[in-house]
Amino acid sequence: MSELIGRIADSELLDEARSGVPNAERAPHPPPSGRARGALVATGAALTGISLLGGITLSIVAIVGLITGGGALDVVELVAGVLLVATHWGWIHVAEAAAVSIEERRGRAAREAQREWLAALEPYTRFSVTTSVLDDGTIQIVRVRHRPLATARGTFTFVTETELEELHSPDESGAAIAERAESLRRAAALDTERERRLYEVAADAYESALLDRGDESQRIAARRAASEALSERINQNLREPPLVE
């Protein structure tokens, strides 16, 4: 564990297909384009049609007025109608530009949230329990270990290891299966909390011993201090009675 302290999470964890963290801790992702873009484009298309029809109508009225001896107002109406017809496609471009601007802002916010998520993710082991239904109706309960692993890039990632796999017939009591799954989830949460506390002990010892991050000997000494603190904590837990929920 001590060799993972001081590392940040690898950016590959942002990829859901390659992420080894539990589902509850997955990285935030940009919201889909959704209704906002569609509404803006639809509004632009509607304004384009209105501008075209309005411009044609206004131009026809102005021309008729000029033929029948109209004055300056008809000239203004004719000019306005021609402008509406000539610029009616502009509404589409305005709507598209507004939609792109909104998506870019959302993307920047999502990328910032992802950077913060990577910086806050700590390299301790997690445990999770999931359930699924097979084709024949059998209920599968799986306990997975999410183990942190140092990378050559100086970051860390997670690998998943299946620790337990149970198959329950659809003929079994639903209440009994649910109770079994909940029991396993409680145990997984307790084990995760234990790992988190062990990591915090090692991290605190590392930070206390590390005086100069640019000095390799200091980092080695700090990791040794972290390992010693972790070892002492583990030995202390072995001497104490086991944790009872």
Protein backbone atom coordinates (compact mmCIF):
# COMPACT_ATOMS: atom_id res chain seq x y z
CA MET A 1 0.00 0.00 0.00
CA SER A 2 2.81 2.43 0.82
CA GLU A 3 4.07 2.48 -2.79
CA LEU A 4 0.68 3.80 -3.92
CA ILE A 5 0.72 6.81 -1.60
CA GLY A 6 1.36 10.06 -3.40
CA ARG A 7 0.12 8.76 -6.75
CA ILE A 8 -2.94 10.11 -8.52
CA ALA A 9 -5.55 8.04 -10.29
CA ASP A 10 -4.85 7.18 -13.91
CA SER A 11 -7.01 8.83 -16.57
CA GLU A 12 -7.95 5.38 -17.93
CA LEU A 13 -10.35 5.12 -15.00
CA LEU A 14 -12.54 7.68 -16.79
CA ASP A 15 -13.33 4.99 -19.37
CA GLU A 16 -16.26 2.99 -18.03
CA ALA A 17 -15.19 -0.06 -20.04
CA ARG A 18 -11.75 -0.05 -18.40
CA SER A 19 -12.61 1.34 -14.98
CA GLY A 20 -12.06 -1.04 -12.10
CA VAL A 21 -13.77 1.03 -9.41
CA PRO A 22 -17.18 0.05 -8.04
CA ASN A 23 -20.21 1.36 -9.90
CA ALA A 24 -21.10 3.65 -7.00
CA GLU A 25 -17.79 5.49 -7.42
CA ARG A 26 -17.63 5.76 -11.20
CA ALA A 27 -16.35 8.99 -12.71
CA PRO A 28 -18.80 11.76 -13.66
CA HIS A 29 -19.50 12.09 -17.37
CA PRO A 30 -20.86 14.95 -19.51
CA PRO A 31 -24.64 14.99 -19.72
CA PRO A 32 -26.06 13.99 -23.12
CA SER A 33 -27.02 16.70 -25.58
CA GLY A 34 -30.61 15.90 -24.73
CA ARG A 35 -33.51 18.25 -25.14
CA ALA A 36 -31.67 21.57 -24.94
CA ARG A 37 -29.93 21.18 -28.30
CA GLY A 38 -33.06 19.81 -29.96
CA ALA A 39 -35.18 22.66 -28.62
CA LEU A 40 -32.72 25.30 -29.82
CA VAL A 41 -32.45 23.79 -33.30
CA ALA A 42 -36.23 23.47 -33.53
CA THR A 43 -36.64 27.10 -32.48
CA GLY A 44 -34.11 28.18 -35.10
CA ALA A 45 -35.95 26.23 -37.79
CA ALA A 46 -39.28 27.76 -36.75
CA LEU A 47 -37.85 31.29 -36.80
CA THR A 48 -36.34 30.58 -40.23
CA GLY A 49 -39.75 29.64 -41.61
CA ILE A 50 -41.46 32.58 -39.97
CA SER A 51 -38.83 35.01 -41.29
CA LEU A 52 -39.13 33.65 -44.83
CA LEU A 53 -42.93 33.69 -44.94
CA GLY A 54 -43.12 37.02 -43.13
CA GLY A 55 -40.57 38.59 -45.48
CA ILE A 56 -42.38 37.35 -48.59
CA THR A 57 -45.73 38.53 -47.29
CA LEU A 58 -44.38 41.92 -46.27
CA SER A 59 -42.67 42.36 -49.65
CA ILE A 60 -45.85 41.50 -51.57
CA VAL A 61 -47.92 43.94 -49.50
CA ALA A 62 -45.33 46.67 -49.99
CA ILE A 63 -45.16 46.08 -53.77
CA VAL A 64 -48.94 46.22 -54.06
CA GLY A 65 -48.93 49.43 -52.04
CA LEU A 66 -46.30 51.01 -54.28
CA ILE A 67 -48.22 50.02 -57.42
CA THR A 68 -51.39 51.63 -56.07
CA GLY A 69 -49.55 54.85 -55.25
CA GLY A 70 -48.12 54.13 -51.81
CA GLY A 71 -45.57 56.24 -50.08
CA ALA A 72 -42.47 55.99 -47.91
CA LEU A 73 -44.03 53.43 -45.54
CA ASP A 74 -44.40 50.96 -48.37
CA VAL A 75 -40.74 51.46 -49.29
CA VAL A 76 -39.72 50.72 -45.68
CA GLU A 77 -41.91 47.62 -45.66
CA LEU A 78 -40.38 46.44 -48.93
CA VAL A 79 -36.85 46.89 -47.60
CA ALA A 80 -37.75 45.06 -44.37
CA GLY A 81 -39.36 42.21 -46.31
CA VAL A 82 -36.33 41.80 -48.55
CA LEU A 83 -34.02 41.78 -45.51
CA LEU A 84 -36.13 39.12 -43.79
CA VAL A 85 -36.02 36.91 -46.87
CA ALA A 86 -32.28 37.45 -47.38
CA THR A 87 -31.35 36.69 -43.76
CA HIS A 88 -33.88 34.01 -42.86
CA TRP A 89 -31.21 31.25 -42.81
CA GLY A 90 -29.31 33.15 -40.12
CA TRP A 91 -31.65 31.87 -37.42
CA ILE A 92 -30.48 28.31 -38.03
CA HIS A 93 -26.85 29.33 -37.60
CA VAL A 94 -27.62 31.33 -34.47
CA ALA A 95 -29.46 28.37 -32.93
CA GLU A 96 -26.64 25.98 -33.85
CA ALA A 97 -23.99 28.32 -32.42
CA ALA A 98 -25.98 28.67 -29.18
CA ALA A 99 -26.30 24.88 -28.90
CA VAL A 100 -22.56 24.37 -29.50
CA SER A 101 -21.74 27.03 -26.89
CA ILE A 102 -23.95 25.33 -24.29
CA GLU A 103 -22.39 21.93 -24.99
CA GLU A 104 -18.88 23.37 -24.73
CA ARG A 105 -19.68 24.88 -21.32
CA ARG A 106 -21.11 21.56 -20.17
CA GLY A 107 -18.04 19.77 -21.51
CA ARG A 108 -15.66 22.09 -19.64
CA ALA A 109 -17.60 21.63 -16.43
CA ALA A 110 -17.61 17.85 -16.90
CA ARG A 111 -13.85 17.77 -17.58
CA GLU A 112 -13.20 19.82 -14.45
CA ALA A 113 -15.39 17.46 -12.43
CA GLN A 114 -13.43 14.50 -13.83
CA ARG A 115 -10.09 16.09 -12.86
CA GLU A 116 -11.38 16.67 -9.35
CA TRP A 117 -12.64 13.08 -9.20
CA LEU A 118 -9.24 11.70 -10.23
CA ALA A 119 -7.47 13.89 -7.67
CA ALA A 120 -9.81 12.82 -4.86
CA LEU A 121 -9.78 9.06 -5.60
CA GLU A 122 -7.64 7.24 -3.04
CA PRO A 123 -5.76 3.99 -3.74
CA TYR A 124 -7.21 1.61 -1.19
CA THR A 125 -9.00 -1.67 -1.84
CA ARG A 126 -12.75 -1.63 -2.26
CA PHE A 127 -15.23 -4.50 -2.13
CA SER A 128 -18.59 -4.59 -3.88
CA VAL A 129 -21.46 -7.02 -4.23
CA THR A 130 -23.68 -7.19 -7.31
CA THR A 131 -26.62 -9.37 -8.30
CA SER A 132 -27.86 -10.41 -11.73
CA VAL A 133 -30.40 -12.78 -13.23
CA LEU A 134 -29.27 -15.46 -15.68
CA ASP A 135 -31.29 -16.65 -18.67
CA ASP A 136 -32.81 -19.57 -16.77
CA GLY A 137 -33.94 -17.33 -13.91
CA THR A 138 -31.06 -18.24 -11.61
CA ILE A 139 -29.97 -15.34 -9.39
CA GLN A 140 -26.23 -14.76 -9.29
CA ILE A 141 -24.54 -12.95 -6.40
CA VAL A 142 -20.93 -11.86 -6.94
CA ARG A 143 -18.49 -10.28 -4.51
CA VAL A 144 -15.69 -8.38 -6.25
CA ARG A 145 -12.42 -7.02 -4.92
CA HIS A 146 -11.26 -3.74 -6.52
CA ARG A 147 -7.52 -3.72 -5.89
CA PRO A 148 -5.37 -0.63 -6.58
CA LEU A 149 -2.36 -1.21 -8.81
CA ALA A 150 0.60 1.08 -9.49
CA THR A 151 1.31 1.86 -13.16
CA ALA A 152 4.54 2.65 -14.97
CA ARG A 153 3.24 6.18 -15.54
CA GLY A 154 3.47 6.99 -11.86
CA THR A 155 -0.30 6.76 -11.40
CA PHE A 156 -2.54 4.00 -10.12
CA THR A 157 -5.47 2.10 -11.50
CA PHE A 158 -7.71 -0.69 -10.23
CA VAL A 159 -8.00 -4.35 -11.14
CA THR A 160 -11.05 -6.41 -10.29
CA GLU A 161 -10.94 -9.90 -8.81
CA THR A 162 -13.98 -12.08 -8.20
CA GLU A 163 -13.82 -13.38 -4.63
CA LEU A 164 -17.19 -15.09 -4.34
CA GLU A 165 -19.85 -16.25 -6.76
CA GLU A 166 -23.13 -17.77 -5.64
CA LEU A 167 -25.98 -19.13 -7.73
CA HIS A 168 -29.47 -19.27 -6.26
CA SER A 169 -32.29 -21.19 -7.86
CA PRO A 170 -35.47 -19.23 -8.70
CA ASP A 171 -37.28 -21.77 -6.51
CA GLU A 172 -35.52 -20.44 -3.41
CA SER A 173 -37.20 -17.97 -1.12
CA GLY A 174 -36.85 -14.42 -2.45
CA ALA A 175 -36.56 -13.07 1.08
CA ALA A 176 -33.73 -15.48 1.87
CA ILE A 177 -31.83 -14.51 -1.28
CA ALA A 178 -32.31 -10.81 -0.55
CA GLU A 179 -31.10 -11.27 3.02
CA ARG A 180 -28.02 -13.14 1.79
CA ALA A 181 -27.18 -10.39 -0.71
CA GLU A 182 -27.67 -7.69 1.92
CA SER A 183 -25.47 -9.59 4.37
CA LEU A 184 -22.70 -9.77 1.79
CA ARG A 185 -23.08 -6.05 1.02
CA ARG A 186 -22.75 -5.16 4.69
CA ALA A 187 -19.62 -7.29 4.98
CA ALA A 188 -18.19 -5.65 1.83
CA ALA A 189 -18.87 -2.19 3.27
CA LEU A 190 -17.10 -3.12 6.52
CA ASP A 191 -14.12 -4.53 4.67
CA THR A 192 -13.91 -1.40 2.50
CA GLU A 193 -14.00 0.82 5.57
CA ARG A 194 -11.22 -1.22 7.15
CA GLU A 195 -9.05 -0.80 4.06
CA ARG A 196 -9.77 2.93 3.98
CA ARG A 197 -8.67 3.34 7.59
CA LEU A 198 -5.48 1.38 6.98
CA TYR A 199 -4.71 3.59 4.00
CA GLU A 200 -5.27 6.73 6.06
CA VAL A 201 -2.83 5.48 8.72
CA ALA A 202 -0.17 4.87 6.08
CA ALA A 203 -0.90 8.16 4.28
CA ASP A 204 -0.70 10.18 7.50
CA ALA A 205 2.64 8.59 8.38
CA TYR A 206 3.91 9.25 4.86
CA GLU A 207 2.94 12.92 4.93
CA SER A 208 4.47 13.38 8.38
CA ALA A 209 7.80 11.88 7.32
CA LEU A 210 8.01 13.54 3.92
CA LEU A 211 9.91 16.81 4.26
CA ASP A 212 11.15 17.39 0.72
CA ARG A 213 9.24 15.86 -2.17
CA GLY A 214 12.16 16.52 -4.51
CA ASP A 215 14.55 14.33 -2.50
CA GLU A 216 14.28 10.65 -3.43
CA SER A 217 15.81 9.56 -0.15
CA GLN A 218 13.10 11.45 1.70
CA ARG A 219 10.41 9.70 -0.32
CA ILE A 220 11.96 6.31 0.44
CA ALA A 221 12.12 7.17 4.15
CA ALA A 222 8.52 8.37 4.06
CA ARG A 223 7.33 5.17 2.41
CA ARG A 224 9.20 3.14 5.01
CA ALA A 225 7.49 5.14 7.75
CA ALA A 226 4.15 4.51 6.08
CA SER A 227 4.85 0.78 5.87
CA GLU A 228 5.88 0.64 9.52
CA ALA A 229 2.73 2.48 10.60
CA LEU A 230 0.62 0.17 8.46
CA SER A 231 2.32 -2.93 9.87
CA GLU A 232 1.79 -1.74 13.43
CA ARG A 233 -1.87 -1.04 12.74
CA ILE A 234 -2.36 -4.50 11.22
CA ASN A 235 -0.62 -6.16 14.18
CA GLN A 236 -2.77 -4.15 16.56
CA ASN A 237 -5.90 -5.34 14.76
CA LEU A 238 -4.70 -8.92 15.03
CA ARG A 239 -4.30 -8.55 18.78
CA GLU A 240 -7.77 -7.02 19.16
CA PRO A 241 -11.04 -8.96 18.97
CA PRO A 242 -12.50 -9.13 15.43
CA LEU A 243 -14.83 -6.36 14.37
CA VAL A 244 -18.47 -7.21 15.00
CA GLU A 245 -21.16 -5.38 13.10
